[in-house]
Amino acid sequence: MARALKAAAANSVGLFSRLHAPVRTVRAFSTLQPLDQVAGPVWNLGRLNHVAIAVPDLEKAAAFYKNILGAQVDNINAAVMDLKKKKIRSLSEEVKIGAHGKPVIFLHPKDCGGVLVELEQA
């Protein structure tokens, strides 16, 4: 019995040390300067190709974006009607003209995995 306890204690020390191994530090970019005073190359993105988001459940989020929001229509009003049938709420009752002069509507984050989604008609 004593031998078994010693072996268990030795194994737990090894496990404990592996669990508390140093973790690499990730540094986030931050600045106290206004954005217009930050060095140019940091914010000079040019034309934006896509945006990535972090989600707590990748499979659930992927299914949502693929199966729920996968609209193939050029009519934002029809897309909104389809989303309402799927119990996806929008933040406004009607589509509005957005910053690019195109019809837009925002979907409620609570129905979109915690993400504010903007739909813009092409």
PDB file of N, CA and C in Angstrom:
ATOM      1  N   MET A   1       0.828  -1.188   0.000  1.00  0.00           N
ATOM      2  CA  MET A   1       0.000   0.000   0.000  1.00  0.00           C
ATOM      3  C   MET A   1       0.867   1.244   0.000  1.00  0.00           C
ATOM      4  N   ALA A   2       1.925   1.252   0.843  1.00  0.00           N
ATOM      5  CA  ALA A   2       2.810   2.411   0.924  1.00  0.00           C
ATOM      6  C   ALA A   2       3.481   2.658  -0.419  1.00  0.00           C
ATOM      7  N   ARG A   3       3.873   1.553  -1.111  1.00  0.00           N
ATOM      8  CA  ARG A   3       4.507   1.694  -2.419  1.00  0.00           C
ATOM      9  C   ARG A   3       3.536   2.313  -3.429  1.00  0.00           C
ATOM     10  N   ALA A   4       2.297   1.904  -3.371  1.00  0.00           N
ATOM     11  CA  ALA A   4       1.275   2.435  -4.280  1.00  0.00           C
ATOM     12  C   ALA A   4       1.056   3.916  -4.023  1.00  0.00           C
ATOM     13  N   LEU A   5       1.038   4.314  -2.743  1.00  0.00           N
ATOM     14  CA  LEU A   5       0.854   5.730  -2.412  1.00  0.00           C
ATOM     15  C   LEU A   5       2.036   6.563  -2.886  1.00  0.00           C
ATOM     16  N   LYS A   6       3.272   6.024  -2.715  1.00  0.00           N
ATOM     17  CA  LYS A   6       4.451   6.742  -3.187  1.00  0.00           C
ATOM     18  C   LYS A   6       4.408   6.910  -4.703  1.00  0.00           C
ATOM     19  N   ALA A   7       4.032   5.863  -5.400  1.00  0.00           N
ATOM     20  CA  ALA A   7       3.953   5.926  -6.861  1.00  0.00           C
ATOM     21  C   ALA A   7       2.887   6.930  -7.296  1.00  0.00           C
ATOM     22  N   ALA A   8       1.755   6.924  -6.625  1.00  0.00           N
ATOM     23  CA  ALA A   8       0.685   7.877  -6.953  1.00  0.00           C
ATOM     24  C   ALA A   8       1.146   9.299  -6.696  1.00  0.00           C
ATOM     25  N   ALA A   9       1.855   9.510  -5.564  1.00  0.00           N
ATOM     26  CA  ALA A   9       2.348  10.849  -5.242  1.00  0.00           C
ATOM     27  C   ALA A   9       3.370  11.301  -6.277  1.00  0.00           C
ATOM     28  N   ALA A  10       4.257  10.413  -6.690  1.00  0.00           N
ATOM     29  CA  ALA A  10       5.266  10.763  -7.691  1.00  0.00           C
ATOM     30  C   ALA A  10       4.596  11.125  -9.020  1.00  0.00           C
ATOM     31  N   ASN A  11       3.592  10.341  -9.398  1.00  0.00           N
ATOM     32  CA  ASN A  11       2.880  10.626 -10.648  1.00  0.00           C
ATOM     33  C   ASN A  11       2.132  11.950 -10.581  1.00  0.00           C
ATOM     34  N   SER A  12       1.538  12.255  -9.433  1.00  0.00           N
ATOM     35  CA  SER A  12       0.780  13.495  -9.331  1.00  0.00           C
ATOM     36  C   SER A  12       1.701  14.698  -9.367  1.00  0.00           C
ATOM     37  N   VAL A  13       2.916  14.599  -8.818  1.00  0.00           N
ATOM     38  CA  VAL A  13       3.869  15.700  -8.892  1.00  0.00           C
ATOM     39  C   VAL A  13       4.255  15.936 -10.341  1.00  0.00           C
ATOM     40  N   GLY A  14       4.511  14.857 -11.089  1.00  0.00           N
ATOM     41  CA  GLY A  14       4.839  14.998 -12.506  1.00  0.00           C
ATOM     42  C   GLY A  14       3.706  15.629 -13.283  1.00  0.00           C
ATOM     43  N   LEU A  15       2.483  15.211 -13.016  1.00  0.00           N
ATOM     44  CA  LEU A  15       1.317  15.772 -13.682  1.00  0.00           C
ATOM     45  C   LEU A  15       1.154  17.231 -13.317  1.00  0.00           C
ATOM     46  N   PHE A  16       1.328  17.541 -12.036  1.00  0.00           N
ATOM     47  CA  PHE A  16       1.173  18.914 -11.580  1.00  0.00           C
ATOM     48  C   PHE A  16       2.191  19.827 -12.259  1.00  0.00           C
ATOM     49  N   SER A  17       3.428  19.376 -12.367  1.00  0.00           N
ATOM     50  CA  SER A  17       4.450  20.219 -12.993  1.00  0.00           C
ATOM     51  C   SER A  17       4.161  20.412 -14.477  1.00  0.00           C
ATOM     52  N   ARG A  18       3.589  19.397 -15.136  1.00  0.00           N
ATOM     53  CA  ARG A  18       3.232  19.562 -16.549  1.00  0.00           C
ATOM     54  C   ARG A  18       2.077  20.524 -16.722  1.00  0.00           C
ATOM     55  N   LEU A  19       1.138  20.512 -15.784  1.00  0.00           N
ATOM     56  CA  LEU A  19       0.000  21.421 -15.876  1.00  0.00           C
ATOM     57  C   LEU A  19       0.412  22.861 -15.643  1.00  0.00           C
ATOM     58  N   HIS A  20       1.449  23.062 -14.881  1.00  0.00           N
ATOM     59  CA  HIS A  20       1.888  24.419 -14.569  1.00  0.00           C
ATOM     60  C   HIS A  20       3.129  24.803 -15.360  1.00  0.00           C
ATOM     61  N   ALA A  21       3.301  24.200 -16.521  1.00  0.00           N
ATOM     62  CA  ALA A  21       4.420  24.569 -17.381  1.00  0.00           C
ATOM     63  C   ALA A  21       4.218  26.003 -17.858  1.00  0.00           C
ATOM     64  N   PRO A  22       5.306  26.725 -18.107  1.00  0.00           N
ATOM     65  CA  PRO A  22       5.165  28.113 -18.555  1.00  0.00           C
ATOM     66  C   PRO A  22       4.355  28.177 -19.848  1.00  0.00           C
ATOM     67  N   VAL A  23       3.531  29.181 -19.943  1.00  0.00           N
ATOM     68  CA  VAL A  23       2.708  29.395 -21.120  1.00  0.00           C
ATOM     69  C   VAL A  23       3.250  30.619 -21.841  1.00  0.00           C
ATOM     70  N   ARG A  24       3.348  30.522 -23.156  1.00  0.00           N
ATOM     71  CA  ARG A  24       3.849  31.657 -23.922  1.00  0.00           C
ATOM     72  C   ARG A  24       2.901  32.833 -23.773  1.00  0.00           C
ATOM     73  N   THR A  25       3.467  33.984 -23.624  1.00  0.00           N
ATOM     74  CA  THR A  25       2.681  35.193 -23.468  1.00  0.00           C
ATOM     75  C   THR A  25       2.297  35.729 -24.836  1.00  0.00           C
ATOM     76  N   VAL A  26       1.038  36.095 -24.987  1.00  0.00           N
ATOM     77  CA  VAL A  26       0.566  36.711 -26.215  1.00  0.00           C
ATOM     78  C   VAL A  26       0.426  38.194 -25.934  1.00  0.00           C
ATOM     79  N   ARG A  27       1.033  38.994 -26.766  1.00  0.00           N
ATOM     80  CA  ARG A  27       0.955  40.436 -26.564  1.00  0.00           C
ATOM     81  C   ARG A  27      -0.044  41.029 -27.548  1.00  0.00           C
ATOM     82  N   ALA A  28      -0.924  41.830 -27.038  1.00  0.00           N
ATOM     83  CA  ALA A  28      -1.900  42.502 -27.884  1.00  0.00           C
ATOM     84  C   ALA A  28      -1.395  43.900 -28.197  1.00  0.00           C
ATOM     85  N   PHE A  29      -1.696  44.392 -29.385  1.00  0.00           N
ATOM     86  CA  PHE A  29      -1.327  45.743 -29.750  1.00  0.00           C
ATOM     87  C   PHE A  29      -2.212  46.703 -28.990  1.00  0.00           C
ATOM     88  N   SER A  30      -1.626  47.660 -28.358  1.00  0.00           N
ATOM     89  CA  SER A  30      -2.404  48.697 -27.703  1.00  0.00           C
ATOM     90  C   SER A  30      -1.631  49.986 -27.787  1.00  0.00           C
ATOM     91  N   THR A  31      -2.346  51.070 -27.716  1.00  0.00           N
ATOM     92  CA  THR A  31      -1.706  52.379 -27.772  1.00  0.00           C
ATOM     93  C   THR A  31      -2.517  53.369 -26.974  1.00  0.00           C
ATOM     94  N   LEU A  32      -1.842  54.327 -26.445  1.00  0.00           N
ATOM     95  CA  LEU A  32      -2.526  55.403 -25.744  1.00  0.00           C
ATOM     96  C   LEU A  32      -2.713  56.597 -26.660  1.00  0.00           C
ATOM     97  N   GLN A  33      -2.144  56.525 -27.879  1.00  0.00           N
ATOM     98  CA  GLN A  33      -2.273  57.606 -28.836  1.00  0.00           C
ATOM     99  C   GLN A  33      -3.586  57.472 -29.604  1.00  0.00           C
ATOM    100  N   PRO A  34      -4.148  58.591 -30.050  1.00  0.00           N
ATOM    101  CA  PRO A  34      -5.323  58.500 -30.927  1.00  0.00           C
ATOM    102  C   PRO A  34      -4.958  57.722 -32.183  1.00  0.00           C
ATOM    103  N   LEU A  35      -5.935  57.051 -32.776  1.00  0.00           N
ATOM    104  CA  LEU A  35      -5.674  56.202 -33.940  1.00  0.00           C
ATOM    105  C   LEU A  35      -5.037  56.952 -35.100  1.00  0.00           C
ATOM    106  N   ASP A  36      -5.362  58.242 -35.264  1.00  0.00           N
ATOM    107  CA  ASP A  36      -4.788  58.981 -36.384  1.00  0.00           C
ATOM    108  C   ASP A  36      -3.319  59.330 -36.170  1.00  0.00           C
ATOM    109  N   GLN A  37      -2.787  59.075 -34.964  1.00  0.00           N
ATOM    110  CA  GLN A  37      -1.384  59.357 -34.687  1.00  0.00           C
ATOM    111  C   GLN A  37      -0.549  58.079 -34.599  1.00  0.00           C
ATOM    112  N   VAL A  38      -1.165  56.928 -34.801  1.00  0.00           N
ATOM    113  CA  VAL A  38      -0.443  55.656 -34.759  1.00  0.00           C
ATOM    114  C   VAL A  38       0.339  55.509 -36.055  1.00  0.00           C
ATOM    115  N   ALA A  39       1.479  54.859 -36.008  1.00  0.00           N
ATOM    116  CA  ALA A  39       2.307  54.663 -37.192  1.00  0.00           C
ATOM    117  C   ALA A  39       1.480  54.125 -38.351  1.00  0.00           C
ATOM    118  N   GLY A  40       1.663  54.697 -39.512  1.00  0.00           N
ATOM    119  CA  GLY A  40       0.881  54.355 -40.692  1.00  0.00           C
ATOM    120  C   GLY A  40       0.789  52.878 -41.029  1.00  0.00           C
ATOM    121  N   PRO A  41       1.907  52.146 -41.118  1.00  0.00           N
ATOM    122  CA  PRO A  41       1.825  50.747 -41.564  1.00  0.00           C
ATOM    123  C   PRO A  41       0.951  49.853 -40.689  1.00  0.00           C
ATOM    124  N   VAL A  42       0.762  50.200 -39.418  1.00  0.00           N
ATOM    125  CA  VAL A  42      -0.072  49.368 -38.556  1.00  0.00           C
ATOM    126  C   VAL A  42      -1.521  49.402 -39.020  1.00  0.00           C
ATOM    127  N   TRP A  43      -2.009  50.541 -39.466  1.00  0.00           N
ATOM    128  CA  TRP A  43      -3.427  50.679 -39.816  1.00  0.00           C
ATOM    129  C   TRP A  43      -3.675  50.818 -41.312  1.00  0.00           C
ATOM    130  N   ASN A  44      -2.653  50.784 -42.125  1.00  0.00           N
ATOM    131  CA  ASN A  44      -2.816  50.929 -43.562  1.00  0.00           C
ATOM    132  C   ASN A  44      -3.124  49.562 -44.170  1.00  0.00           C
ATOM    133  N   LEU A  45      -4.369  49.127 -44.014  1.00  0.00           N
ATOM    134  CA  LEU A  45      -4.764  47.797 -44.464  1.00  0.00           C
ATOM    135  C   LEU A  45      -5.058  47.716 -45.951  1.00  0.00           C
ATOM    136  N   GLY A  46      -5.361  48.839 -46.542  1.00  0.00           N
ATOM    137  CA  GLY A  46      -5.776  48.790 -47.941  1.00  0.00           C
ATOM    138  C   GLY A  46      -7.184  48.224 -48.034  1.00  0.00           C
ATOM    139  N   ARG A  47      -7.486  47.585 -49.138  1.00  0.00           N
ATOM    140  CA  ARG A  47      -8.820  47.026 -49.329  1.00  0.00           C
ATOM    141  C   ARG A  47      -8.982  45.784 -48.466  1.00  0.00           C
ATOM    142  N   LEU A  48     -10.026  45.761 -47.661  1.00  0.00           N
ATOM    143  CA  LEU A  48     -10.273  44.660 -46.734  1.00  0.00           C
ATOM    144  C   LEU A  48     -10.889  43.481 -47.473  1.00  0.00           C
ATOM    145  N   ASN A  49     -10.297  42.309 -47.320  1.00  0.00           N
ATOM    146  CA  ASN A  49     -10.782  41.112 -48.001  1.00  0.00           C
ATOM    147  C   ASN A  49     -11.805  40.365 -47.182  1.00  0.00           C
ATOM    148  N   HIS A  50     -11.547  40.193 -45.885  1.00  0.00           N
ATOM    149  CA  HIS A  50     -12.495  39.489 -45.025  1.00  0.00           C
ATOM    150  C   HIS A  50     -12.191  39.820 -43.570  1.00  0.00           C
ATOM    151  N   VAL A  51     -13.126  39.463 -42.714  1.00  0.00           N
ATOM    152  CA  VAL A  51     -12.973  39.669 -41.278  1.00  0.00           C
ATOM    153  C   VAL A  51     -13.175  38.324 -40.597  1.00  0.00           C
ATOM    154  N   ALA A  52     -12.320  37.995 -39.662  1.00  0.00           N
ATOM    155  CA  ALA A  52     -12.454  36.750 -38.908  1.00  0.00           C
ATOM    156  C   ALA A  52     -12.998  37.081 -37.524  1.00  0.00           C
ATOM    157  N   ILE A  53     -13.796  36.183 -36.987  1.00  0.00           N
ATOM    158  CA  ILE A  53     -14.321  36.371 -35.638  1.00  0.00           C
ATOM    159  C   ILE A  53     -14.042  35.125 -34.816  1.00  0.00           C
ATOM    160  N   ALA A  54     -13.933  35.324 -33.523  1.00  0.00           N
ATOM    161  CA  ALA A  54     -13.744  34.200 -32.605  1.00  0.00           C
ATOM    162  C   ALA A  54     -15.095  33.867 -31.993  1.00  0.00           C
ATOM    163  N   VAL A  55     -15.420  32.589 -31.960  1.00  0.00           N
ATOM    164  CA  VAL A  55     -16.700  32.135 -31.413  1.00  0.00           C
ATOM    165  C   VAL A  55     -16.456  31.028 -30.399  1.00  0.00           C
ATOM    166  N   PRO A  56     -17.329  30.897 -29.406  1.00  0.00           N
ATOM    167  CA  PRO A  56     -17.126  29.856 -28.400  1.00  0.00           C
ATOM    168  C   PRO A  56     -17.410  28.448 -28.912  1.00  0.00           C
ATOM    169  N   ASP A  57     -18.253  28.306 -29.940  1.00  0.00           N
ATOM    170  CA  ASP A  57     -18.608  26.991 -30.468  1.00  0.00           C
ATOM    171  C   ASP A  57     -18.494  27.048 -31.991  1.00  0.00           C
ATOM    172  N   LEU A  58     -17.378  26.597 -32.527  1.00  0.00           N
ATOM    173  CA  LEU A  58     -17.101  26.718 -33.951  1.00  0.00           C
ATOM    174  C   LEU A  58     -18.108  25.965 -34.809  1.00  0.00           C
ATOM    175  N   GLU A  59     -18.460  24.749 -34.421  1.00  0.00           N
ATOM    176  CA  GLU A  59     -19.410  23.972 -35.222  1.00  0.00           C
ATOM    177  C   GLU A  59     -20.774  24.652 -35.291  1.00  0.00           C
ATOM    178  N   LYS A  60     -21.233  25.165 -34.155  1.00  0.00           N
ATOM    179  CA  LYS A  60     -22.528  25.845 -34.111  1.00  0.00           C
ATOM    180  C   LYS A  60     -22.488  27.122 -34.957  1.00  0.00           C
ATOM    181  N   ALA A  61     -21.409  27.887 -34.837  1.00  0.00           N
ATOM    182  CA  ALA A  61     -21.284  29.125 -35.605  1.00  0.00           C
ATOM    183  C   ALA A  61     -21.190  28.829 -37.103  1.00  0.00           C
ATOM    184  N   ALA A  62     -20.414  27.825 -37.476  1.00  0.00           N
ATOM    185  CA  ALA A  62     -20.279  27.481 -38.888  1.00  0.00           C
ATOM    186  C   ALA A  62     -21.632  27.070 -39.469  1.00  0.00           C
ATOM    187  N   ALA A  63     -22.383  26.287 -38.733  1.00  0.00           N
ATOM    188  CA  ALA A  63     -23.711  25.867 -39.206  1.00  0.00           C
ATOM    189  C   ALA A  63     -24.633  27.074 -39.352  1.00  0.00           C
ATOM    190  N   PHE A  64     -24.559  28.002 -38.404  1.00  0.00           N
ATOM    191  CA  PHE A  64     -25.394  29.210 -38.467  1.00  0.00           C
ATOM    192  C   PHE A  64     -25.081  30.017 -39.722  1.00  0.00           C
ATOM    193  N   TYR A  65     -23.807  30.307 -39.944  1.00  0.00           N
ATOM    194  CA  TYR A  65     -23.442  31.126 -41.101  1.00  0.00           C
ATOM    195  C   TYR A  65     -23.719  30.415 -42.419  1.00  0.00           C
ATOM    196  N   LYS A  66     -23.529  29.122 -42.456  1.00  0.00           N
ATOM    197  CA  LYS A  66     -23.740  28.367 -43.689  1.00  0.00           C
ATOM    198  C   LYS A  66     -25.218  28.109 -43.952  1.00  0.00           C
ATOM    199  N   ASN A  67     -25.926  27.594 -42.947  1.00  0.00           N
ATOM    200  CA  ASN A  67     -27.298  27.132 -43.154  1.00  0.00           C
ATOM    201  C   ASN A  67     -28.355  28.207 -42.939  1.00  0.00           C
ATOM    202  N   ILE A  68     -28.116  29.112 -42.016  1.00  0.00           N
ATOM    203  CA  ILE A  68     -29.132  30.128 -41.713  1.00  0.00           C
ATOM    204  C   ILE A  68     -28.931  31.385 -42.554  1.00  0.00           C
ATOM    205  N   LEU A  69     -27.707  31.889 -42.605  1.00  0.00           N
ATOM    206  CA  LEU A  69     -27.454  33.133 -43.323  1.00  0.00           C
ATOM    207  C   LEU A  69     -27.023  32.928 -44.769  1.00  0.00           C
ATOM    208  N   GLY A  70     -27.023  31.727 -45.244  1.00  0.00           N
ATOM    209  CA  GLY A  70     -26.547  31.435 -46.596  1.00  0.00           C
ATOM    210  C   GLY A  70     -27.490  31.875 -47.684  1.00  0.00           C
ATOM    211  N   ALA A  71     -28.040  33.069 -47.593  1.00  0.00           N
ATOM    212  CA  ALA A  71     -29.009  33.561 -48.575  1.00  0.00           C
ATOM    213  C   ALA A  71     -28.333  33.797 -49.922  1.00  0.00           C
ATOM    214  N   GLN A  72     -29.030  33.478 -51.027  1.00  0.00           N
ATOM    215  CA  GLN A  72     -28.532  33.669 -52.386  1.00  0.00           C
ATOM    216  C   GLN A  72     -29.413  34.719 -53.102  1.00  0.00           C
ATOM    217  N   VAL A  73     -30.042  35.568 -52.326  1.00  0.00           N
ATOM    218  CA  VAL A  73     -30.945  36.534 -52.970  1.00  0.00           C
ATOM    219  C   VAL A  73     -30.279  37.889 -53.134  1.00  0.00           C
ATOM    220  N   ASP A  74     -30.737  38.738 -54.163  1.00  0.00           N
ATOM    221  CA  ASP A  74     -30.284  40.120 -54.346  1.00  0.00           C
ATOM    222  C   ASP A  74     -31.316  41.070 -53.774  1.00  0.00           C
ATOM    223  N   ASN A  75     -32.199  40.560 -52.955  1.00  0.00           N
ATOM    224  CA  ASN A  75     -33.292  41.341 -52.385  1.00  0.00           C
ATOM    225  C   ASN A  75     -33.200  41.239 -50.870  1.00  0.00           C
ATOM    226  N   ILE A  76     -32.690  42.267 -50.244  1.00  0.00           N
ATOM    227  CA  ILE A  76     -32.488  42.234 -48.799  1.00  0.00           C
ATOM    228  C   ILE A  76     -33.806  42.072 -48.051  1.00  0.00           C
ATOM    229  N   ASN A  77     -34.882  42.615 -48.589  1.00  0.00           N
ATOM    230  CA  ASN A  77     -36.185  42.479 -47.928  1.00  0.00           C
ATOM    231  C   ASN A  77     -36.637  41.017 -47.904  1.00  0.00           C
ATOM    232  N   ALA A  78     -36.411  40.307 -49.003  1.00  0.00           N
ATOM    233  CA  ALA A  78     -36.754  38.879 -49.042  1.00  0.00           C
ATOM    234  C   ALA A  78     -35.875  38.105 -48.067  1.00  0.00           C
ATOM    235  N   ALA A  79     -34.593  38.484 -47.978  1.00  0.00           N
ATOM    236  CA  ALA A  79     -33.688  37.817 -47.041  1.00  0.00           C
ATOM    237  C   ALA A  79     -34.142  38.036 -45.603  1.00  0.00           C
ATOM    238  N   VAL A  80     -34.562  39.249 -45.288  1.00  0.00           N
ATOM    239  CA  VAL A  80     -35.025  39.558 -43.929  1.00  0.00           C
ATOM    240  C   VAL A  80     -36.289  38.762 -43.613  1.00  0.00           C
ATOM    241  N   MET A  81     -37.204  38.653 -44.574  1.00  0.00           N
ATOM    242  CA  MET A  81     -38.426  37.876 -44.350  1.00  0.00           C
ATOM    243  C   MET A  81     -38.077  36.416 -44.083  1.00  0.00           C
ATOM    244  N   ASP A  82     -37.110  35.880 -44.833  1.00  0.00           N
ATOM    245  CA  ASP A  82     -36.674  34.501 -44.632  1.00  0.00           C
ATOM    246  C   ASP A  82     -36.054  34.334 -43.240  1.00  0.00           C
ATOM    247  N   LEU A  83     -35.240  35.279 -42.815  1.00  0.00           N
ATOM    248  CA  LEU A  83     -34.616  35.201 -41.493  1.00  0.00           C
ATOM    249  C   LEU A  83     -35.646  35.289 -40.376  1.00  0.00           C
ATOM    250  N   LYS A  84     -36.681  36.109 -40.562  1.00  0.00           N
ATOM    251  CA  LYS A  84     -37.745  36.200 -39.554  1.00  0.00           C
ATOM    252  C   LYS A  84     -38.458  34.858 -39.385  1.00  0.00           C
ATOM    253  N   LYS A  85     -38.635  34.138 -40.491  1.00  0.00           N
ATOM    254  CA  LYS A  85     -39.236  32.808 -40.415  1.00  0.00           C
ATOM    255  C   LYS A  85     -38.357  31.861 -39.605  1.00  0.00           C
ATOM    256  N   LYS A  86     -37.047  32.108 -39.645  1.00  0.00           N
ATOM    257  CA  LYS A  86     -36.084  31.288 -38.910  1.00  0.00           C
ATOM    258  C   LYS A  86     -35.832  31.818 -37.497  1.00  0.00           C
ATOM    259  N   LYS A  87     -36.672  32.779 -37.065  1.00  0.00           N
ATOM    260  CA  LYS A  87     -36.602  33.357 -35.712  1.00  0.00           C
ATOM    261  C   LYS A  87     -35.320  34.157 -35.468  1.00  0.00           C
ATOM    262  N   ILE A  88     -34.774  34.770 -36.518  1.00  0.00           N
ATOM    263  CA  ILE A  88     -33.627  35.658 -36.382  1.00  0.00           C
ATOM    264  C   ILE A  88     -34.171  37.082 -36.373  1.00  0.00           C
ATOM    265  N   ARG A  89     -33.947  37.783 -35.258  1.00  0.00           N
ATOM    266  CA  ARG A  89     -34.455  39.148 -35.126  1.00  0.00           C
ATOM    267  C   ARG A  89     -33.484  40.159 -35.727  1.00  0.00           C
ATOM    268  N   SER A  90     -34.027  41.284 -36.159  1.00  0.00           N
ATOM    269  CA  SER A  90     -33.192  42.390 -36.610  1.00  0.00           C
ATOM    270  C   SER A  90     -33.310  43.510 -35.582  1.00  0.00           C
ATOM    271  N   LEU A  91     -32.372  44.447 -35.635  1.00  0.00           N
ATOM    272  CA  LEU A  91     -32.388  45.549 -34.671  1.00  0.00           C
ATOM    273  C   LEU A  91     -33.342  46.665 -35.073  1.00  0.00           C
ATOM    274  N   SER A  92     -33.778  46.650 -36.305  1.00  0.00           N
ATOM    275  CA  SER A  92     -34.751  47.648 -36.748  1.00  0.00           C
ATOM    276  C   SER A  92     -35.874  46.924 -37.477  1.00  0.00           C
ATOM    277  N   GLU A  93     -36.982  47.592 -37.588  1.00  0.00           N
ATOM    278  CA  GLU A  93     -38.141  46.998 -38.265  1.00  0.00           C
ATOM    279  C   GLU A  93     -37.968  46.977 -39.779  1.00  0.00           C
ATOM    280  N   GLU A  94     -37.231  47.973 -40.298  1.00  0.00           N
ATOM    281  CA  GLU A  94     -37.102  48.110 -41.745  1.00  0.00           C
ATOM    282  C   GLU A  94     -35.651  48.210 -42.166  1.00  0.00           C
ATOM    283  N   VAL A  95     -35.407  47.876 -43.412  1.00  0.00           N
ATOM    284  CA  VAL A  95     -34.099  48.067 -44.033  1.00  0.00           C
ATOM    285  C   VAL A  95     -33.882  49.568 -44.191  1.00  0.00           C
ATOM    286  N   LYS A  96     -32.643  50.029 -43.968  1.00  0.00           N
ATOM    287  CA  LYS A  96     -32.301  51.448 -44.115  1.00  0.00           C
ATOM    288  C   LYS A  96     -31.142  51.576 -45.086  1.00  0.00           C
ATOM    289  N   ILE A  97     -30.932  52.765 -45.592  1.00  0.00           N
ATOM    290  CA  ILE A  97     -29.794  53.016 -46.473  1.00  0.00           C
ATOM    291  C   ILE A  97     -28.566  53.218 -45.593  1.00  0.00           C
ATOM    292  N   GLY A  98     -27.518  52.433 -45.876  1.00  0.00           N
ATOM    293  CA  GLY A  98     -26.308  52.454 -45.063  1.00  0.00           C
ATOM    294  C   GLY A  98     -25.265  53.439 -45.565  1.00  0.00           C
ATOM    295  N   ALA A  99     -24.096  53.359 -44.972  1.00  0.00           N
ATOM    296  CA  ALA A  99     -23.006  54.285 -45.260  1.00  0.00           C
ATOM    297  C   ALA A  99     -22.537  54.239 -46.711  1.00  0.00           C
ATOM    298  N   HIS A 100     -22.723  53.121 -47.379  1.00  0.00           N
ATOM    299  CA  HIS A 100     -22.291  52.987 -48.772  1.00  0.00           C
ATOM    300  C   HIS A 100     -23.417  53.273 -49.754  1.00  0.00           C
ATOM    301  N   GLY A 101     -24.518  53.813 -49.242  1.00  0.00           N
ATOM    302  CA  GLY A 101     -25.649  54.126 -50.101  1.00  0.00           C
ATOM    303  C   GLY A 101     -26.446  52.907 -50.521  1.00  0.00           C
ATOM    304  N   LYS A 102     -26.229  51.792 -49.828  1.00  0.00           N
ATOM    305  CA  LYS A 102     -26.927  50.550 -50.153  1.00  0.00           C
ATOM    306  C   LYS A 102     -27.832  50.152 -48.994  1.00  0.00           C
ATOM    307  N   PRO A 103     -28.901  49.398 -49.280  1.00  0.00           N
ATOM    308  CA  PRO A 103     -29.794  48.949 -48.208  1.00  0.00           C
ATOM    309  C   PRO A 103     -29.075  48.011 -47.235  1.00  0.00           C
ATOM    310  N   VAL A 104     -29.249  48.279 -45.929  1.00  0.00           N
ATOM    311  CA  VAL A 104     -28.629  47.461 -44.889  1.00  0.00           C
ATOM    312  C   VAL A 104     -29.617  47.202 -43.764  1.00  0.00           C
ATOM    313  N   ILE A 105     -29.335  46.151 -43.015  1.00  0.00           N
ATOM    314  CA  ILE A 105     -30.067  45.870 -41.781  1.00  0.00           C
ATOM    315  C   ILE A 105     -29.120  45.091 -40.873  1.00  0.00           C
ATOM    316  N   PHE A 106     -29.250  45.325 -39.580  1.00  0.00           N
ATOM    317  CA  PHE A 106     -28.411  44.635 -38.598  1.00  0.00           C
ATOM    318  C   PHE A 106     -29.226  43.554 -37.911  1.00  0.00           C
ATOM    319  N   LEU A 107     -28.614  42.389 -37.729  1.00  0.00           N
ATOM    320  CA  LEU A 107     -29.267  41.273 -37.054  1.00  0.00           C
ATOM    321  C   LEU A 107     -28.896  41.278 -35.584  1.00  0.00           C
ATOM    322  N   HIS A 108     -29.806  40.833 -34.762  1.00  0.00           N
ATOM    323  CA  HIS A 108     -29.611  40.863 -33.308  1.00  0.00           C
ATOM    324  C   HIS A 108     -28.499  39.908 -32.892  1.00  0.00           C
ATOM    325  N   PRO A 109     -27.521  40.390 -32.129  1.00  0.00           N
ATOM    326  CA  PRO A 109     -26.421  39.519 -31.692  1.00  0.00           C
ATOM    327  C   PRO A 109     -26.870  38.289 -30.908  1.00  0.00           C
ATOM    328  N   LYS A 110     -27.943  38.403 -30.148  1.00  0.00           N
ATOM    329  CA  LYS A 110     -28.413  37.252 -29.365  1.00  0.00           C
ATOM    330  C   LYS A 110     -28.865  36.098 -30.255  1.00  0.00           C
ATOM    331  N   ASP A 111     -29.251  36.398 -31.478  1.00  0.00           N
ATOM    332  CA  ASP A 111     -29.689  35.358 -32.407  1.00  0.00           C
ATOM    333  C   ASP A 111     -28.578  34.929 -33.363  1.00  0.00           C
ATOM    334  N   CYS A 112     -27.414  35.556 -33.246  1.00  0.00           N
ATOM    335  CA  CYS A 112     -26.315  35.312 -34.188  1.00  0.00           C
ATOM    336  C   CYS A 112     -25.029  34.943 -33.468  1.00  0.00           C
ATOM    337  N   GLY A 113     -25.134  34.153 -32.413  1.00  0.00           N
ATOM    338  CA  GLY A 113     -23.945  33.686 -31.702  1.00  0.00           C
ATOM    339  C   GLY A 113     -23.162  34.778 -31.012  1.00  0.00           C
ATOM    340  N   GLY A 114     -23.839  35.867 -30.623  1.00  0.00           N
ATOM    341  CA  GLY A 114     -23.163  36.957 -29.933  1.00  0.00           C
ATOM    342  C   GLY A 114     -22.491  37.953 -30.857  1.00  0.00           C
ATOM    343  N   VAL A 115     -22.735  37.849 -32.163  1.00  0.00           N
ATOM    344  CA  VAL A 115     -22.086  38.720 -33.135  1.00  0.00           C
ATOM    345  C   VAL A 115     -23.124  39.627 -33.779  1.00  0.00           C
ATOM    346  N   LEU A 116     -22.821  40.921 -33.845  1.00  0.00           N
ATOM    347  CA  LEU A 116     -23.673  41.850 -34.567  1.00  0.00           C
ATOM    348  C   LEU A 116     -23.382  41.656 -36.048  1.00  0.00           C
ATOM    349  N   VAL A 117     -24.384  41.236 -36.802  1.00  0.00           N
ATOM    350  CA  VAL A 117     -24.224  40.949 -38.227  1.00  0.00           C
ATOM    351  C   VAL A 117     -24.937  42.024 -39.023  1.00  0.00           C
ATOM    352  N   GLU A 118     -24.227  42.589 -39.990  1.00  0.00           N
ATOM    353  CA  GLU A 118     -24.839  43.560 -40.899  1.00  0.00           C
ATOM    354  C   GLU A 118     -25.049  42.892 -42.243  1.00  0.00           C
ATOM    355  N   LEU A 119     -26.258  42.951 -42.748  1.00  0.00           N
ATOM    356  CA  LEU A 119     -26.556  42.487 -44.098  1.00  0.00           C
ATOM    357  C   LEU A 119     -26.603  43.715 -44.988  1.00  0.00           C
ATOM    358  N   GLU A 120     -25.913  43.659 -46.102  1.00  0.00           N
ATOM    359  CA  GLU A 120     -25.921  44.758 -47.067  1.00  0.00           C
ATOM    360  C   GLU A 120     -26.258  44.199 -48.438  1.00  0.00           C
ATOM    361  N   GLN A 121     -27.253  44.793 -49.066  1.00  0.00           N
ATOM    362  CA  GLN A 121     -27.621  44.326 -50.400  1.00  0.00           C
ATOM    363  C   GLN A 121     -26.539  44.730 -51.395  1.00  0.00           C
ATOM    364  N   ALA A 122     -26.153  43.821 -52.253  1.00  0.00           N
ATOM    365  CA  ALA A 122     -25.081  44.094 -53.216  1.00  0.00           C
ATOM    366  C   ALA A 122     -25.545  45.082 -54.276  1.00  0.00           C
TER     367      ALA A 122
END
